[in-house]
């Protein structure tokens, strides 16, 4: 019998949880599922070279793990405070028999993005898959008046500038058959008022993805995005004021686990998606998007 998606990851009675940003996996209750015990590869990405931002935890860790089990070597980024989570992702990739290179990198900085791409090319010779996944949000229930210029700048530089720089710098090293996968959000289409600045950037990622895809299609490079709904990652206790209600708004009645996002990133990176570009894969737990 197939799994019932409502019951596959039953929604726990989440206790109130608070962490300082950027958040860490260890203190989370319950711990997120990245596919450690469930994801089985089938050689879809054999010998591919991937660069994944924000790969230390959450969706990024699940993607790094899945890519490794599909046969890819992975460079992934983390913030300097996230060394413990980065070490766990490294272990998971190496247990799959693939190379893992963890790079402390703040993608708000253009020079750090340049060094990241240079390091990846030095280690791997090319970049077959670029996953722009790292993001920043901070809930502001008091609305636009509570969004400082500093916060707005951090959200935009993390979510948009970093993606722009990495795409621009990586493209000369992505061969025909390669792909770029960006992480947008349900927030791009159904913005929550308390996440106004974050939602704005996620809408821009949709437009950027569709425009860039047309620009590089003739080079044989595909550009797509995944739009997750609520996902149980360290960003939630680190940025949301009420974790007890998180995910209830999804028609499936629960937040996703990171492991449930990874297959979309695998598919979009694989040869099975050879005629798919400029698309947004919606993984929202039932919330209809345009």
Protein backbone atom coordinates (compact mmCIF):
# COMPACT_ATOMS: atom_id res chain seq x y z
CA UNK A 1 0.00 0.00 0.00
CA UNK A 2 1.31 3.51 -0.78
CA UNK A 3 1.99 5.91 2.07
CA UNK A 4 -0.81 8.26 3.05
CA UNK A 5 0.80 11.73 2.73
CA UNK A 6 -1.18 12.98 5.72
CA UNK A 7 0.29 10.28 7.94
CA UNK A 8 3.73 9.86 6.35
CA UNK A 9 5.15 12.41 8.77
CA UNK A 10 2.39 12.93 11.34
CA UNK A 11 2.24 16.46 12.63
CA UNK A 12 3.60 16.40 16.16
CA UNK A 13 2.29 18.63 18.90
CA UNK A 14 5.17 21.03 18.47
CA UNK A 15 6.31 22.70 21.67
CA UNK A 16 7.24 26.36 21.56
CA UNK A 17 10.86 26.50 20.46
CA UNK A 18 13.16 29.47 20.23
CA UNK A 19 16.70 29.68 18.90
CA UNK A 20 19.00 32.48 17.91
CA UNK A 21 19.56 32.88 14.20
CA UNK A 22 20.73 30.97 12.18
CA UNK A 23 19.40 28.03 14.20
CA UNK A 24 20.81 24.55 14.66
CA UNK A 25 19.43 21.07 14.05
CA UNK A 26 20.43 19.51 17.37
CA UNK A 27 18.00 21.32 19.71
CA UNK A 28 14.96 20.84 17.45
CA UNK A 29 12.07 18.80 18.83
CA UNK A 30 11.29 16.64 16.93
CA UNK A 31 14.49 16.43 14.89
CA UNK A 32 14.02 17.05 11.17
CA UNK A 33 14.12 14.11 8.79
CA UNK A 34 16.65 14.67 5.98
CA UNK A 35 16.24 11.20 4.51
CA UNK A 36 19.01 9.63 6.58
CA UNK A 37 17.10 6.36 6.91
CA UNK A 38 14.84 6.57 3.88
CA UNK A 39 16.42 8.07 0.78
CA UNK A 40 17.62 5.44 -1.67
CA UNK A 41 19.58 6.49 -4.72
CA UNK A 42 19.38 4.98 -8.18
CA UNK A 43 22.37 6.49 -9.97
CA UNK A 44 20.54 9.48 -11.43
CA UNK A 45 23.48 11.85 -10.82
CA UNK A 46 26.49 9.57 -11.20
CA UNK A 47 29.75 11.54 -11.12
CA UNK A 48 27.98 14.91 -11.24
CA UNK A 49 29.56 17.83 -9.40
CA UNK A 50 27.15 19.90 -7.31
CA UNK A 51 27.35 23.19 -5.44
CA UNK A 52 24.61 23.63 -2.82
CA UNK A 53 24.25 26.76 -0.69
CA UNK A 54 22.90 26.40 2.83
CA UNK A 55 23.72 22.71 2.81
CA UNK A 56 24.47 22.33 6.50
CA UNK A 57 20.85 21.78 7.56
CA UNK A 58 17.24 21.70 6.44
CA UNK A 59 16.44 21.42 2.75
CA UNK A 60 20.09 21.95 1.83
CA UNK A 61 21.24 18.98 3.90
CA UNK A 62 18.50 16.78 2.47
CA UNK A 63 19.53 17.79 -1.06
CA UNK A 64 23.23 17.17 -0.39
CA UNK A 65 22.44 13.74 1.06
CA UNK A 66 20.17 12.79 -1.85
CA UNK A 67 22.66 14.03 -4.44
CA UNK A 68 25.42 11.98 -2.84
CA UNK A 69 23.28 8.85 -2.79
CA UNK A 70 22.52 9.48 -6.46
CA UNK A 71 26.26 9.54 -7.17
CA UNK A 72 27.26 13.22 -7.03
CA UNK A 73 30.14 14.92 -5.26
CA UNK A 74 29.02 17.98 -3.28
CA UNK A 75 30.45 21.32 -2.25
CA UNK A 76 28.09 22.99 0.21
CA UNK A 77 28.09 26.24 2.13
CA UNK A 78 27.38 27.04 5.74
CA UNK A 79 27.71 30.06 7.98
CA UNK A 80 30.71 30.19 10.31
CA UNK A 81 28.48 29.48 13.34
CA UNK A 82 27.17 26.25 11.83
CA UNK A 83 30.22 24.01 11.95
CA UNK A 84 28.50 21.20 13.88
CA UNK A 85 25.65 20.96 11.38
CA UNK A 86 28.14 21.19 8.51
CA UNK A 87 30.13 18.29 9.96
CA UNK A 88 26.99 16.16 10.03
CA UNK A 89 26.22 16.89 6.37
CA UNK A 90 29.82 16.05 5.48
CA UNK A 91 29.50 12.73 7.28
CA UNK A 92 26.28 11.84 5.45
CA UNK A 93 27.75 12.62 2.03
CA UNK A 94 30.94 10.69 2.75
CA UNK A 95 28.97 7.71 4.06
CA UNK A 96 27.39 7.58 0.61
CA UNK A 97 30.87 7.19 -0.86
CA UNK A 98 31.09 10.68 -2.36
CA UNK A 99 33.29 13.72 -1.75
CA UNK A 100 31.98 16.45 0.53
CA UNK A 101 33.57 19.89 0.83
CA UNK A 102 32.09 22.24 3.43
CA UNK A 103 32.84 25.92 2.84
CA UNK A 104 32.07 28.65 5.35
CA UNK A 105 30.59 31.36 3.16
CA UNK A 106 28.32 34.36 3.65
CA UNK A 107 26.73 34.77 0.24
CA UNK A 108 25.87 38.40 1.00
CA UNK A 109 29.49 39.14 0.08
CA UNK A 110 30.46 39.15 -3.60
CA UNK A 111 34.09 38.23 -2.97
CA UNK A 112 33.08 35.23 -0.87
CA UNK A 113 30.78 34.06 -3.67
CA UNK A 114 33.64 34.39 -6.15
CA UNK A 115 36.00 32.40 -3.93
CA UNK A 116 33.30 29.75 -3.47
CA UNK A 117 32.96 29.22 -7.21
CA UNK A 118 36.74 29.23 -7.67
CA UNK A 119 37.13 26.63 -4.91
CA UNK A 120 34.48 24.41 -6.45
CA UNK A 121 36.12 24.55 -9.88
CA UNK A 122 39.56 23.93 -8.37
CA UNK A 123 38.27 20.83 -6.58
CA UNK A 124 35.92 19.43 -9.23
CA UNK A 125 36.90 21.05 -12.53
CA UNK A 126 33.33 22.06 -13.32
CA UNK A 127 29.90 22.68 -11.79
CA UNK A 128 27.16 20.42 -13.15
CA UNK A 129 24.50 21.51 -10.67
CA UNK A 130 24.12 24.79 -8.81
CA UNK A 131 21.48 24.85 -6.08
CA UNK A 132 20.78 28.32 -4.70
CA UNK A 133 19.10 27.36 -1.46
CA UNK A 134 20.53 29.57 1.32
CA UNK A 135 18.03 32.17 2.55
CA UNK A 136 17.28 34.55 5.37
CA UNK A 137 13.95 35.53 6.91
CA UNK A 138 12.82 37.16 10.14
CA UNK A 139 9.15 37.32 11.05
CA UNK A 140 7.84 40.79 11.93
CA UNK A 141 4.25 40.46 13.24
CA UNK A 142 4.09 44.26 13.69
CA UNK A 143 4.33 44.72 9.95
CA UNK A 144 6.33 46.98 7.67
CA UNK A 145 7.01 49.51 10.45
CA UNK A 146 9.05 46.83 12.24
CA UNK A 147 11.18 45.91 9.21
CA UNK A 148 14.39 47.86 9.60
CA UNK A 149 16.56 48.88 6.68
CA UNK A 150 19.22 46.55 8.10
CA UNK A 151 16.84 43.59 8.03
CA UNK A 152 15.54 44.41 4.54
CA UNK A 153 19.09 44.70 3.25
CA UNK A 154 20.07 41.37 4.80
CA UNK A 155 17.06 39.58 3.31
CA UNK A 156 17.64 41.01 -0.16
CA UNK A 157 21.39 40.47 -0.19
CA UNK A 158 21.09 36.87 1.03
CA UNK A 159 18.15 35.79 -1.07
CA UNK A 160 18.76 37.76 -4.29
CA UNK A 161 22.30 39.15 -4.51
CA UNK A 162 23.87 35.82 -3.52
CA UNK A 163 21.81 33.94 -6.11
CA UNK A 164 22.62 36.53 -8.80
CA UNK A 165 26.35 36.49 -8.11
CA UNK A 166 26.61 32.71 -7.95
CA UNK A 167 24.66 32.21 -11.17
CA UNK A 168 26.77 34.82 -12.98
CA UNK A 169 30.04 33.40 -11.69
CA UNK A 170 29.16 29.72 -12.07
CA UNK A 171 27.67 29.80 -15.57
CA UNK A 172 31.05 29.83 -17.38
CA UNK A 173 31.83 26.56 -15.56
CA UNK A 174 28.48 24.81 -16.16
CA UNK A 175 28.61 22.56 -19.23
CA UNK A 176 25.74 21.77 -21.56
CA UNK A 177 23.49 19.35 -19.70
CA UNK A 178 24.05 21.17 -16.41
CA UNK A 179 21.35 22.84 -14.39
CA UNK A 180 20.62 25.59 -11.92
CA UNK A 181 17.93 25.06 -9.29
CA UNK A 182 16.74 27.95 -7.14
CA UNK A 183 14.62 27.78 -4.00
CA UNK A 184 11.61 30.06 -4.06
CA UNK A 185 8.57 29.57 -1.78
CA UNK A 186 4.81 29.43 -1.44
CA UNK A 187 5.39 32.94 -0.10
CA UNK A 188 6.09 34.12 -3.65
CA UNK A 189 2.43 33.58 -4.50
CA UNK A 190 0.63 33.77 -1.16
CA UNK A 191 2.66 36.20 0.97
CA UNK A 192 2.20 36.25 4.73
CA UNK A 193 2.14 39.84 5.99
CA UNK A 194 4.67 39.10 8.74
CA UNK A 195 7.16 37.90 6.09
CA UNK A 196 6.71 40.80 3.67
CA UNK A 197 10.38 41.30 2.80
CA UNK A 198 11.11 37.57 2.52
CA UNK A 199 8.05 37.00 0.33
CA UNK A 200 9.12 39.86 -1.92
CA UNK A 201 12.47 38.21 -2.59
CA UNK A 202 10.87 34.85 -3.23
CA UNK A 203 8.64 36.41 -5.86
CA UNK A 204 11.72 37.91 -7.49
CA UNK A 205 13.36 34.47 -7.56
CA UNK A 206 10.48 33.16 -9.68
CA UNK A 207 10.97 35.96 -12.21
CA UNK A 208 14.76 35.58 -12.20
CA UNK A 209 14.49 31.82 -12.73
CA UNK A 210 12.15 32.13 -15.69
CA UNK A 211 14.18 34.89 -17.30
CA UNK A 212 17.58 33.24 -16.86
CA UNK A 213 16.20 29.93 -18.15
CA UNK A 214 15.35 31.55 -21.47
CA UNK A 215 18.73 33.28 -21.61
CA UNK A 216 20.80 30.10 -21.29
CA UNK A 217 18.52 27.51 -22.91
CA UNK A 218 20.51 27.67 -26.13
CA UNK A 219 23.63 26.68 -24.18
CA UNK A 220 21.95 23.48 -23.04
CA UNK A 221 21.66 24.64 -19.41
CA UNK A 222 18.33 24.30 -17.63
CA UNK A 223 17.15 26.67 -14.88
CA UNK A 224 14.25 25.76 -12.60
CA UNK A 225 13.06 26.38 -9.06
CA UNK A 226 11.30 24.59 -6.23
CA UNK A 227 8.61 26.38 -4.23
CA UNK A 228 8.32 24.69 -0.82
CA UNK A 229 5.47 25.25 1.57
CA UNK A 230 6.13 25.05 5.32
CA UNK A 231 9.18 22.87 6.04
CA UNK A 232 10.50 21.93 9.47
CA UNK A 233 14.04 23.34 9.47
CA UNK A 234 16.21 25.28 11.97
CA UNK A 235 15.09 28.52 10.32
CA UNK A 236 11.65 28.09 11.90
CA UNK A 237 12.52 28.17 15.64
CA UNK A 238 15.15 30.81 14.83
CA UNK A 239 12.82 33.24 13.03
CA UNK A 240 9.17 32.48 13.82
CA UNK A 241 7.45 33.68 17.01
CA UNK A 242 5.05 30.71 17.30
CA UNK A 243 6.27 27.24 16.37
CA UNK A 244 3.23 25.50 17.89
CA UNK A 245 1.03 26.38 14.89
CA UNK A 246 3.65 25.89 12.21
CA UNK A 247 2.44 23.98 9.16
CA UNK A 248 -1.21 23.72 10.13
CA UNK A 249 -2.18 26.01 7.27
CA UNK A 250 -1.18 23.45 4.64
CA UNK A 251 -4.11 21.35 3.37
CA UNK A 252 -2.19 18.22 4.40
CA UNK A 253 -2.30 19.67 7.91
CA UNK A 254 1.40 19.48 8.70
CA UNK A 255 4.79 20.89 7.77
CA UNK A 256 6.96 18.99 5.34
CA UNK A 257 10.17 17.33 6.37
CA UNK A 258 13.30 18.30 4.42
CA UNK A 259 13.46 14.76 3.03
CA UNK A 260 10.18 15.41 1.22
CA UNK A 261 11.72 18.31 -0.73
CA UNK A 262 14.89 16.56 -1.92
CA UNK A 263 13.31 14.40 -4.67
CA UNK A 264 12.19 17.53 -6.54
CA UNK A 265 15.77 18.82 -6.60
CA UNK A 266 17.03 15.41 -7.74
CA UNK A 267 14.50 15.21 -10.56
CA UNK A 268 15.22 18.73 -11.83
CA UNK A 269 18.97 18.04 -11.85
CA UNK A 270 18.64 14.67 -13.56
CA UNK A 271 18.49 13.74 -17.27
CA UNK A 272 14.86 12.77 -16.72
CA UNK A 273 14.03 16.48 -16.67
CA UNK A 274 15.84 17.17 -19.97
CA UNK A 275 12.91 19.14 -21.48
CA UNK A 276 12.00 20.98 -18.30
CA UNK A 277 13.32 24.50 -17.86
CA UNK A 278 11.86 27.82 -16.65
CA UNK A 279 9.52 25.83 -14.41
CA UNK A 280 8.57 26.12 -10.75
CA UNK A 281 7.90 22.83 -8.96
CA UNK A 282 5.37 23.50 -6.22
CA UNK A 283 5.83 21.38 -3.09
CA UNK A 284 3.33 23.09 -0.81
CA UNK A 285 1.36 20.29 0.83
CA UNK A 286 -1.75 21.13 -1.18
CA UNK A 287 -1.80 24.92 -1.32
CA UNK A 288 -2.68 25.75 -4.97
CA UNK A 289 -0.26 28.09 -6.71
CA UNK A 290 -0.51 29.72 -10.17
